[in-house]
Amino acid sequence: MDLSAISNSKWATGVALGVGKMVPPRVGHGLVRRAALKISANRDDPMVQTMRANQWMASRGTLSGQALDDAVRDAFAYSGRFLYDLYHVMEDPDALMGMVEVDETFERVLAEAKEGPHVYAGVHLGNFDLIGRALGFNGWKQQLLTVADPNGGYKWQNEMRERYGFDVTPVSIEALKHASRRLAEGGSVTTGLDRPLPDAKQFPVFFDKPSSVPLLHVRLAMRAKVPVVVISAMLGEDGKYRLQASEPIHMETGGSTASDMLANGERVLVEVEKRIERAPRQWAMTHPVWPDVVGTV
């Protein structure tokens, strides 16, 4: 059974949406926890092996045995909870805003986007889809660059994002031209930072090892001469989500374009490491960031 194919299908997204709407939080969170225990026990599944590799690397190789098993189980549990929480409140703006801490960082990101163009680089840490909707309700309008050729589940998620005011464009030549024009005209663009590329040409160091994470955010920022802001949305012990945002990271140039991209990408990844290290089990990444580690831990 390929858990990854099932979890990304339109069928699975529909089931999650239905459960999220109908089941109260206490029951929903318990169901998610039990499902995570069952999923993580299947060590032969590629998605489980990938999660193990990513959690092991995020610990800088310190996790093993039961500690690594627990980290993988918790990472799946958090991933499921983030989906449940999103679907439970997505049709109720007041309930959604009640799950978000509107603090100084939240207000700063709203103000920054109005002051000038930025490239926002999102980390799969916490529940960014939920807090992204909260930002959208408060006027945060973005072009959202998403995975190219989305399947059924991703396509449905993109349709839901569009309903909340995002200009959703799967990555393509035309989408990148649109992003460049938007930045040149004073608008901002958001894209994922840590979903790996299967055909990566450059391998920025991430947690002390070359990785397959993309550098699209860096390329866009360098061309437009605008800063990158790293964003994530961690869950607190009080059950509320809080937006984390780095200070604007200005791109440096001076060498070749390729070497500058790599250097700037690694500077951004230092900020990402800091955030993941605060709550590594909330890093819901089920794609192989370090393909050569998958299956070895």
Foldseek 3Di string as FASTA:
>chain_A
DAPVVVCQALVNLVVLLVCLAPPDPVVQLVVLLVVLLVVLVPLPHLLNLQLLLLLCLLVLNPDDDPRSSVLSSLLSSQVSSLSSPCSRCVVPLVVLVVQADCDPVLVVVLVVQVVFEEEEAEALFHRCVSVVLVSLVVPQEAAEEEAAPRHNRVVVVQVSSVVSHYNYDHDDPVSLVVQLVQRLVGGYHYYYFQQFDPPAPFFAAASNRTWRTDLSSVVSCVVSQHFYKYWYWHADPVSHIYIDIDDTHGQDDDDDPVVSSRVSSNVVNVVVSVVCNVPVSSRNHSHRGPVVSRPVD
